[in-house]
């Protein structure tokens, strides 16, 4: 497991069922977790509310976040509006590994429509366990992203 052991999690109605499975999965592994909502299924909720709640915690506390909505794309777009957040949509274990190793991603966005529970669990396990490589080229690229954030956000 990477050093950041606390995970903030959130989902809208399209990701709610998968989020509940993910919570149990993380709890079984003794990973500290905070649920930013929704706390009950609501077909009229809006993904930006949960993306923002999780992203703010991730940026403030240098922890990980997991967001689930239908496609995962909306959560990623909304979360990436928060300075310091590097939210990624991941569909498989290769992407999970590379987004941590190369991009130092701190928010994982998953599709509630596309991912079976077992696949989501594998992705999460690998994503949380993979450290940032800290190779010069990757540090340089992240610093360029930070520069954009300072100028634009």
N, C-alpha and C. Protein backbone atom coordinates (compact mmCIF):
# COMPACT_ATOMS: atom_id res chain seq x y z
N UNK A 1 0.84 -1.17 0.00
CA UNK A 1 0.00 0.00 0.00
C UNK A 1 0.89 1.24 0.00
N UNK A 2 0.54 2.23 -0.77
CA UNK A 2 1.27 3.49 -0.78
C UNK A 2 1.13 4.16 0.59
N UNK A 3 1.98 5.14 0.87
CA UNK A 3 2.00 5.76 2.19
C UNK A 3 0.69 6.43 2.57
N UNK A 4 -0.01 7.01 1.61
CA UNK A 4 -1.29 7.65 1.90
C UNK A 4 -2.30 6.56 2.18
N UNK A 5 -2.68 6.38 3.42
CA UNK A 5 -3.58 5.27 3.73
C UNK A 5 -5.03 5.69 3.90
N UNK A 6 -5.29 6.97 3.98
CA UNK A 6 -6.68 7.41 4.10
C UNK A 6 -7.25 7.65 2.71
N UNK A 7 -8.48 7.19 2.52
CA UNK A 7 -9.16 7.34 1.24
C UNK A 7 -10.50 8.03 1.46
N UNK A 8 -10.73 9.08 0.70
CA UNK A 8 -12.04 9.74 0.66
C UNK A 8 -12.77 9.20 -0.56
N UNK A 9 -14.04 8.87 -0.40
CA UNK A 9 -14.79 8.24 -1.48
C UNK A 9 -16.12 8.97 -1.68
N UNK A 10 -16.56 9.00 -2.93
CA UNK A 10 -17.84 9.61 -3.24
C UNK A 10 -18.43 9.04 -4.51
N UNK A 11 -19.75 9.11 -4.62
CA UNK A 11 -20.43 8.60 -5.82
C UNK A 11 -21.79 9.25 -5.96
N UNK A 12 -22.22 9.36 -7.20
CA UNK A 12 -23.59 9.77 -7.47
C UNK A 12 -24.45 8.52 -7.61
N UNK A 13 -25.69 8.69 -8.06
CA UNK A 13 -26.62 7.57 -8.18
C UNK A 13 -26.10 6.46 -9.10
N UNK A 14 -25.41 6.83 -10.18
CA UNK A 14 -24.93 5.83 -11.13
C UNK A 14 -23.75 5.03 -10.59
N UNK A 15 -23.08 5.56 -9.59
CA UNK A 15 -21.95 4.86 -8.99
C UNK A 15 -22.20 4.37 -7.59
N UNK A 16 -23.40 4.62 -7.08
CA UNK A 16 -23.68 4.33 -5.67
C UNK A 16 -23.47 2.86 -5.31
N UNK A 17 -24.00 1.94 -6.09
CA UNK A 17 -23.88 0.51 -5.77
C UNK A 17 -22.42 0.07 -5.75
N UNK A 18 -21.65 0.48 -6.75
CA UNK A 18 -20.23 0.11 -6.78
C UNK A 18 -19.49 0.74 -5.61
N UNK A 19 -19.82 1.98 -5.27
CA UNK A 19 -19.17 2.64 -4.12
C UNK A 19 -19.37 1.84 -2.84
N UNK A 20 -20.57 1.32 -2.64
CA UNK A 20 -20.84 0.55 -1.43
C UNK A 20 -19.99 -0.72 -1.39
N UNK A 21 -19.79 -1.36 -2.53
CA UNK A 21 -18.90 -2.54 -2.60
C UNK A 21 -17.46 -2.13 -2.31
N UNK A 22 -17.05 -1.01 -2.86
CA UNK A 22 -15.69 -0.52 -2.65
C UNK A 22 -15.45 -0.21 -1.18
N UNK A 23 -16.41 0.40 -0.52
CA UNK A 23 -16.28 0.68 0.91
C UNK A 23 -16.02 -0.59 1.70
N UNK A 24 -16.81 -1.63 1.45
CA UNK A 24 -16.61 -2.90 2.15
C UNK A 24 -15.24 -3.47 1.86
N UNK A 25 -14.82 -3.40 0.61
CA UNK A 25 -13.51 -3.90 0.19
C UNK A 25 -12.39 -3.18 0.94
N UNK A 26 -12.46 -1.86 1.03
CA UNK A 26 -11.43 -1.09 1.73
C UNK A 26 -11.47 -1.36 3.24
N UNK A 27 -12.65 -1.45 3.80
CA UNK A 27 -12.78 -1.72 5.23
C UNK A 27 -12.20 -3.09 5.58
N UNK A 28 -12.42 -4.08 4.73
CA UNK A 28 -11.85 -5.42 4.96
C UNK A 28 -10.33 -5.38 4.97
N UNK A 29 -9.75 -4.45 4.25
CA UNK A 29 -8.30 -4.31 4.18
C UNK A 29 -7.76 -3.31 5.20
N UNK A 30 -8.63 -2.88 6.11
CA UNK A 30 -8.25 -1.96 7.19
C UNK A 30 -7.70 -0.63 6.66
N UNK A 31 -8.23 -0.19 5.54
CA UNK A 31 -7.85 1.10 4.98
C UNK A 31 -8.81 2.15 5.53
N UNK A 32 -8.25 3.20 6.11
CA UNK A 32 -9.05 4.28 6.67
C UNK A 32 -9.81 4.97 5.54
N UNK A 33 -11.11 5.17 5.76
CA UNK A 33 -11.93 5.70 4.68
C UNK A 33 -12.97 6.67 5.22
N UNK A 34 -13.28 7.67 4.40
CA UNK A 34 -14.31 8.64 4.72
C UNK A 34 -15.23 8.76 3.52
N UNK A 35 -16.52 8.54 3.76
CA UNK A 35 -17.52 8.59 2.69
C UNK A 35 -18.08 10.01 2.59
N UNK A 36 -17.81 10.66 1.47
CA UNK A 36 -18.30 12.03 1.23
C UNK A 36 -19.66 12.05 0.54
N UNK A 37 -20.28 10.91 0.42
CA UNK A 37 -21.63 10.85 -0.14
C UNK A 37 -21.66 10.28 -1.55
N UNK A 38 -22.78 10.09 -1.97
CA UNK A 38 -24.05 10.21 -1.31
C UNK A 38 -24.22 9.06 -0.32
N UNK A 39 -24.92 9.29 0.75
CA UNK A 39 -25.08 8.26 1.78
C UNK A 39 -26.28 7.36 1.53
N UNK A 40 -27.08 7.71 0.55
CA UNK A 40 -28.22 6.88 0.15
C UNK A 40 -28.47 7.09 -1.33
N UNK A 41 -29.08 6.12 -1.97
CA UNK A 41 -29.35 6.23 -3.40
C UNK A 41 -30.35 7.35 -3.66
N UNK A 42 -29.97 8.27 -4.53
CA UNK A 42 -30.83 9.39 -4.91
C UNK A 42 -30.70 9.60 -6.42
N UNK A 43 -31.71 9.22 -7.18
CA UNK A 43 -31.61 9.32 -8.64
C UNK A 43 -31.49 10.75 -9.16
N UNK A 44 -31.72 11.72 -8.29
CA UNK A 44 -31.65 13.12 -8.71
C UNK A 44 -30.39 13.85 -8.23
N UNK A 45 -29.43 13.12 -7.67
CA UNK A 45 -28.22 13.79 -7.19
C UNK A 45 -27.32 14.17 -8.37
N UNK A 46 -26.28 14.96 -8.08
CA UNK A 46 -25.40 15.49 -9.11
C UNK A 46 -23.94 15.19 -8.78
N UNK A 47 -23.25 14.56 -9.74
CA UNK A 47 -21.87 14.14 -9.52
C UNK A 47 -20.91 15.27 -9.11
N UNK A 48 -21.05 16.52 -9.60
CA UNK A 48 -20.08 17.53 -9.18
C UNK A 48 -20.04 17.76 -7.66
N UNK A 49 -21.16 17.55 -6.99
CA UNK A 49 -21.19 17.74 -5.53
C UNK A 49 -20.22 16.79 -4.83
N UNK A 50 -20.19 15.54 -5.26
CA UNK A 50 -19.34 14.52 -4.62
C UNK A 50 -17.90 14.64 -5.10
N UNK A 51 -17.73 14.98 -6.36
CA UNK A 51 -16.38 15.18 -6.89
C UNK A 51 -15.68 16.31 -6.13
N UNK A 52 -16.39 17.39 -5.91
CA UNK A 52 -15.81 18.53 -5.21
C UNK A 52 -15.52 18.19 -3.75
N UNK A 53 -16.44 17.52 -3.09
CA UNK A 53 -16.23 17.16 -1.68
C UNK A 53 -14.99 16.30 -1.50
N UNK A 54 -14.83 15.30 -2.36
CA UNK A 54 -13.66 14.42 -2.27
C UNK A 54 -12.39 15.17 -2.67
N UNK A 55 -12.44 15.91 -3.77
CA UNK A 55 -11.26 16.60 -4.27
C UNK A 55 -10.72 17.61 -3.25
N UNK A 56 -11.60 18.33 -2.57
CA UNK A 56 -11.15 19.29 -1.56
C UNK A 56 -10.38 18.60 -0.44
N UNK A 57 -10.86 17.44 -0.01
CA UNK A 57 -10.17 16.69 1.06
C UNK A 57 -8.82 16.18 0.58
N UNK A 58 -8.79 15.66 -0.63
CA UNK A 58 -7.53 15.15 -1.19
C UNK A 58 -6.49 16.27 -1.27
N UNK A 59 -6.89 17.40 -1.79
CA UNK A 59 -5.96 18.52 -1.92
C UNK A 59 -5.52 19.06 -0.56
N UNK A 60 -6.42 19.10 0.40
CA UNK A 60 -6.11 19.67 1.71
C UNK A 60 -5.25 18.76 2.58
N UNK A 61 -5.42 17.45 2.42
CA UNK A 61 -4.79 16.51 3.36
C UNK A 61 -3.79 15.55 2.73
N UNK A 62 -3.51 15.70 1.43
CA UNK A 62 -2.54 14.83 0.76
C UNK A 62 -2.88 13.36 0.95
N UNK A 63 -4.12 13.02 0.63
CA UNK A 63 -4.62 11.65 0.74
C UNK A 63 -5.13 11.22 -0.64
N UNK A 64 -5.68 10.04 -0.71
CA UNK A 64 -6.26 9.53 -1.96
C UNK A 64 -7.76 9.74 -1.98
N UNK A 65 -8.31 9.79 -3.19
CA UNK A 65 -9.74 9.83 -3.38
C UNK A 65 -10.18 8.82 -4.41
N UNK A 66 -11.39 8.31 -4.23
CA UNK A 66 -12.01 7.42 -5.22
C UNK A 66 -13.40 7.97 -5.49
N UNK A 67 -13.70 8.17 -6.77
CA UNK A 67 -15.00 8.68 -7.19
C UNK A 67 -15.62 7.73 -8.19
N UNK A 68 -16.94 7.55 -8.08
CA UNK A 68 -17.65 6.64 -8.99
C UNK A 68 -18.90 7.34 -9.50
N UNK A 69 -19.05 7.37 -10.81
CA UNK A 69 -20.29 7.82 -11.45
C UNK A 69 -20.52 6.91 -12.65
N UNK A 70 -21.46 7.24 -13.50
CA UNK A 70 -21.77 6.36 -14.62
C UNK A 70 -20.56 6.06 -15.48
N UNK A 71 -20.01 7.07 -16.12
CA UNK A 71 -18.86 6.87 -17.01
C UNK A 71 -17.53 7.13 -16.33
N UNK A 72 -17.51 7.81 -15.24
CA UNK A 72 -16.33 8.28 -14.50
C UNK A 72 -15.78 9.59 -15.06
N UNK A 73 -16.19 9.95 -16.25
CA UNK A 73 -15.66 11.15 -16.90
C UNK A 73 -16.10 12.43 -16.20
N UNK A 74 -17.37 12.54 -15.86
CA UNK A 74 -17.86 13.74 -15.20
C UNK A 74 -17.17 13.98 -13.87
N UNK A 75 -16.99 12.92 -13.09
CA UNK A 75 -16.29 13.04 -11.81
C UNK A 75 -14.87 13.56 -12.03
N UNK A 76 -14.20 13.02 -13.04
CA UNK A 76 -12.83 13.44 -13.33
C UNK A 76 -12.77 14.91 -13.71
N UNK A 77 -13.67 15.32 -14.58
CA UNK A 77 -13.69 16.73 -15.00
C UNK A 77 -13.90 17.64 -13.79
N UNK A 78 -14.87 17.33 -12.96
CA UNK A 78 -15.18 18.17 -11.80
C UNK A 78 -14.04 18.16 -10.78
N UNK A 79 -13.50 17.00 -10.47
CA UNK A 79 -12.43 16.90 -9.47
C UNK A 79 -11.18 17.65 -9.92
N UNK A 80 -10.89 17.62 -11.20
CA UNK A 80 -9.69 18.29 -11.71
C UNK A 80 -9.79 19.81 -11.69
N UNK A 81 -10.92 20.35 -11.30
CA UNK A 81 -11.05 21.80 -11.14
C UNK A 81 -10.46 22.27 -9.81
N UNK A 82 -10.13 21.33 -8.94
CA UNK A 82 -9.56 21.67 -7.63
C UNK A 82 -8.04 21.63 -7.73
N UNK A 83 -7.41 22.72 -7.36
CA UNK A 83 -5.96 22.85 -7.41
C UNK A 83 -5.30 21.74 -6.60
N UNK A 84 -4.33 21.06 -7.22
CA UNK A 84 -3.60 20.00 -6.54
C UNK A 84 -4.16 18.61 -6.78
N UNK A 85 -5.29 18.53 -7.44
CA UNK A 85 -5.91 17.23 -7.72
C UNK A 85 -5.49 16.77 -9.11
N UNK A 86 -5.12 15.50 -9.17
CA UNK A 86 -4.82 14.83 -10.44
C UNK A 86 -5.73 13.62 -10.52
N UNK A 87 -6.94 13.87 -11.01
CA UNK A 87 -7.97 12.82 -11.09
C UNK A 87 -7.87 12.12 -12.45
N UNK A 88 -7.97 10.81 -12.41
CA UNK A 88 -7.85 10.00 -13.63
C UNK A 88 -8.98 9.00 -13.73
N UNK A 89 -9.42 8.77 -14.95
CA UNK A 89 -10.38 7.71 -15.24
C UNK A 89 -9.58 6.47 -15.58
N UNK A 90 -9.87 5.38 -14.88
CA UNK A 90 -9.12 4.14 -15.08
C UNK A 90 -10.09 3.01 -15.39
N UNK A 91 -9.74 2.24 -16.43
CA UNK A 91 -10.57 1.12 -16.87
C UNK A 91 -9.94 -0.24 -16.63
N UNK A 92 -8.61 -0.27 -16.40
CA UNK A 92 -7.93 -1.56 -16.26
C UNK A 92 -6.70 -1.41 -15.37
N UNK A 93 -6.07 -2.54 -15.06
CA UNK A 93 -4.94 -2.53 -14.12
C UNK A 93 -3.71 -1.83 -14.70
N UNK A 94 -3.52 -1.92 -16.01
CA UNK A 94 -2.38 -1.22 -16.62
C UNK A 94 -2.51 0.28 -16.40
N UNK A 95 -3.68 0.82 -16.69
CA UNK A 95 -3.90 2.24 -16.47
C UNK A 95 -3.77 2.60 -14.99
N UNK A 96 -4.22 1.72 -14.12
CA UNK A 96 -4.10 1.97 -12.67
C UNK A 96 -2.64 2.14 -12.29
N UNK A 97 -1.80 1.24 -12.76
CA UNK A 97 -0.38 1.28 -12.43
C UNK A 97 0.27 2.55 -13.01
N UNK A 98 0.01 2.81 -14.29
CA UNK A 98 0.68 3.93 -14.96
C UNK A 98 0.23 5.29 -14.44
N UNK A 99 -1.04 5.43 -14.09
CA UNK A 99 -1.50 6.73 -13.60
C UNK A 99 -0.90 7.08 -12.25
N UNK A 100 -0.56 6.10 -11.47
CA UNK A 100 0.14 6.36 -10.21
C UNK A 100 1.64 6.54 -10.47
N UNK A 101 2.22 5.62 -11.20
CA UNK A 101 3.67 5.62 -11.41
C UNK A 101 4.15 6.85 -12.19
N UNK A 102 3.44 7.21 -13.25
CA UNK A 102 3.89 8.30 -14.12
C UNK A 102 3.24 9.64 -13.79
N UNK A 103 1.98 9.63 -13.38
CA UNK A 103 1.23 10.88 -13.21
C UNK A 103 1.02 11.28 -11.76
N UNK A 104 1.39 10.41 -10.84
CA UNK A 104 1.16 10.64 -9.41
C UNK A 104 -0.29 11.03 -9.14
N UNK A 105 -1.20 10.32 -9.81
CA UNK A 105 -2.63 10.59 -9.65
C UNK A 105 -3.03 10.41 -8.19
N UNK A 106 -3.93 11.28 -7.73
CA UNK A 106 -4.37 11.18 -6.34
C UNK A 106 -5.88 10.96 -6.20
N UNK A 107 -6.60 10.99 -7.32
CA UNK A 107 -8.02 10.67 -7.32
C UNK A 107 -8.30 9.67 -8.44
N UNK A 108 -8.87 8.55 -8.06
CA UNK A 108 -9.21 7.48 -9.00
C UNK A 108 -10.70 7.58 -9.32
N UNK A 109 -11.03 7.68 -10.60
CA UNK A 109 -12.43 7.77 -11.03
C UNK A 109 -12.80 6.49 -11.77
N UNK A 110 -13.87 5.86 -11.31
CA UNK A 110 -14.30 4.57 -11.85
C UNK A 110 -15.71 4.66 -12.40
N UNK A 111 -15.98 3.81 -13.39
CA UNK A 111 -17.29 3.77 -14.02
C UNK A 111 -18.21 2.78 -13.31
N UNK A 112 -19.31 3.29 -12.82
CA UNK A 112 -20.32 2.43 -12.21
C UNK A 112 -21.09 1.63 -13.24
N UNK A 113 -21.08 2.06 -14.48
CA UNK A 113 -21.78 1.35 -15.56
C UNK A 113 -20.93 0.24 -16.16
N UNK A 114 -19.62 0.45 -16.19
CA UNK A 114 -18.74 -0.43 -16.96
C UNK A 114 -18.03 -1.50 -16.13
N UNK A 115 -17.66 -1.17 -14.91
CA UNK A 115 -16.76 -2.04 -14.15
C UNK A 115 -17.49 -3.03 -13.26
N UNK A 116 -17.24 -4.33 -13.44
CA UNK A 116 -17.70 -5.30 -12.45
C UNK A 116 -16.94 -5.08 -11.13
N UNK A 117 -17.53 -5.47 -10.05
CA UNK A 117 -16.94 -5.26 -8.72
C UNK A 117 -15.53 -5.83 -8.64
N UNK A 118 -15.33 -7.05 -9.10
CA UNK A 118 -14.01 -7.69 -9.01
C UNK A 118 -12.95 -6.89 -9.77
N UNK A 119 -13.29 -6.37 -10.92
CA UNK A 119 -12.34 -5.55 -11.68
C UNK A 119 -12.02 -4.26 -10.93
N UNK A 120 -13.03 -3.63 -10.38
CA UNK A 120 -12.81 -2.41 -9.61
C UNK A 120 -11.89 -2.68 -8.42
N UNK A 121 -12.08 -3.80 -7.76
CA UNK A 121 -11.23 -4.14 -6.61
C UNK A 121 -9.78 -4.34 -7.04
N UNK A 122 -9.56 -5.01 -8.16
CA UNK A 122 -8.18 -5.20 -8.66
C UNK A 122 -7.55 -3.85 -9.01
N UNK A 123 -8.31 -3.02 -9.69
CA UNK A 123 -7.81 -1.70 -10.06
C UNK A 123 -7.43 -0.91 -8.81
N UNK A 124 -8.30 -0.88 -7.83
CA UNK A 124 -8.05 -0.14 -6.59
C UNK A 124 -6.82 -0.68 -5.87
N UNK A 125 -6.71 -1.98 -5.76
CA UNK A 125 -5.55 -2.58 -5.08
C UNK A 125 -4.25 -2.15 -5.72
N UNK A 126 -4.19 -2.23 -7.03
CA UNK A 126 -2.97 -1.86 -7.75
C UNK A 126 -2.73 -0.36 -7.65
N UNK A 127 -3.77 0.42 -7.84
CA UNK A 127 -3.63 1.87 -7.80
C UNK A 127 -3.11 2.34 -6.44
N UNK A 128 -3.67 1.82 -5.37
CA UNK A 128 -3.23 2.23 -4.03
C UNK A 128 -1.82 1.73 -3.70
N UNK A 129 -1.44 0.60 -4.27
CA UNK A 129 -0.14 0.00 -3.95
C UNK A 129 1.01 0.56 -4.79
N UNK A 130 0.70 1.23 -5.88
CA UNK A 130 1.74 1.69 -6.80
C UNK A 130 2.25 3.07 -6.39
N UNK A 131 3.54 3.17 -6.11
CA UNK A 131 4.09 4.48 -5.76
C UNK A 131 4.42 5.30 -7.02
N UNK A 132 4.51 6.59 -6.84
CA UNK A 132 4.98 7.48 -7.91
C UNK A 132 6.45 7.17 -8.15
N UNK A 133 6.86 7.07 -9.40
CA UNK A 133 8.24 6.69 -9.71
C UNK A 133 9.24 7.78 -9.34
N UNK A 134 8.83 9.03 -9.38
CA UNK A 134 9.69 10.18 -9.06
C UNK A 134 10.87 10.32 -10.03
N UNK A 135 10.80 9.65 -11.18
CA UNK A 135 11.83 9.86 -12.20
C UNK A 135 11.78 11.32 -12.62
N UNK A 136 12.92 11.83 -13.05
CA UNK A 136 13.02 13.25 -13.40
C UNK A 136 11.98 13.66 -14.43
N UNK A 137 11.77 12.88 -15.46
CA UNK A 137 10.82 13.25 -16.51
C UNK A 137 9.39 13.37 -15.96
N UNK A 138 9.04 12.51 -15.03
CA UNK A 138 7.69 12.56 -14.45
C UNK A 138 7.55 13.74 -13.48
N UNK A 139 8.58 13.99 -12.69
CA UNK A 139 8.57 15.17 -11.80
C UNK A 139 8.47 16.45 -12.62
N UNK A 140 9.23 16.51 -13.71
CA UNK A 140 9.20 17.69 -14.58
C UNK A 140 7.78 17.93 -15.12
N UNK A 141 7.13 16.88 -15.55
CA UNK A 141 5.79 17.01 -16.12
C UNK A 141 4.77 17.44 -15.07
N UNK A 142 4.89 16.87 -13.88
CA UNK A 142 3.96 17.26 -12.80
C UNK A 142 4.19 18.73 -12.42
N UNK A 143 5.44 19.14 -12.42
CA UNK A 143 5.73 20.55 -12.13
C UNK A 143 5.13 21.48 -13.19
N UNK A 144 5.10 21.04 -14.42
CA UNK A 144 4.45 21.83 -15.48
C UNK A 144 2.95 21.92 -15.24
N UNK A 145 2.36 20.84 -14.77
CA UNK A 145 0.93 20.86 -14.43
C UNK A 145 0.69 21.84 -13.28
N UNK A 146 1.56 21.81 -12.29
CA UNK A 146 1.42 22.74 -11.15
C UNK A 146 1.52 24.19 -11.61
N UNK A 147 2.41 24.44 -12.56
CA UNK A 147 2.55 25.80 -13.10
C UNK A 147 1.24 26.23 -13.79
N UNK A 148 0.65 25.35 -14.55
CA UNK A 148 -0.64 25.65 -15.19
C UNK A 148 -1.69 25.95 -14.12
N UNK A 149 -1.71 25.13 -13.06
CA UNK A 149 -2.68 25.36 -11.96
C UNK A 149 -2.50 26.75 -11.35
N UNK A 150 -1.26 27.13 -11.11
CA UNK A 150 -1.00 28.45 -10.51
C UNK A 150 -1.49 29.57 -11.42
N UNK A 151 -1.37 29.38 -12.71
CA UNK A 151 -1.76 30.42 -13.65
C UNK A 151 -3.26 30.43 -13.93
N UNK A 152 -3.89 29.26 -13.89
CA UNK A 152 -5.26 29.15 -14.38
C UNK A 152 -6.32 28.89 -13.31
N UNK A 153 -5.94 28.31 -12.20
CA UNK A 153 -6.95 27.97 -11.19
C UNK A 153 -6.90 28.94 -10.01
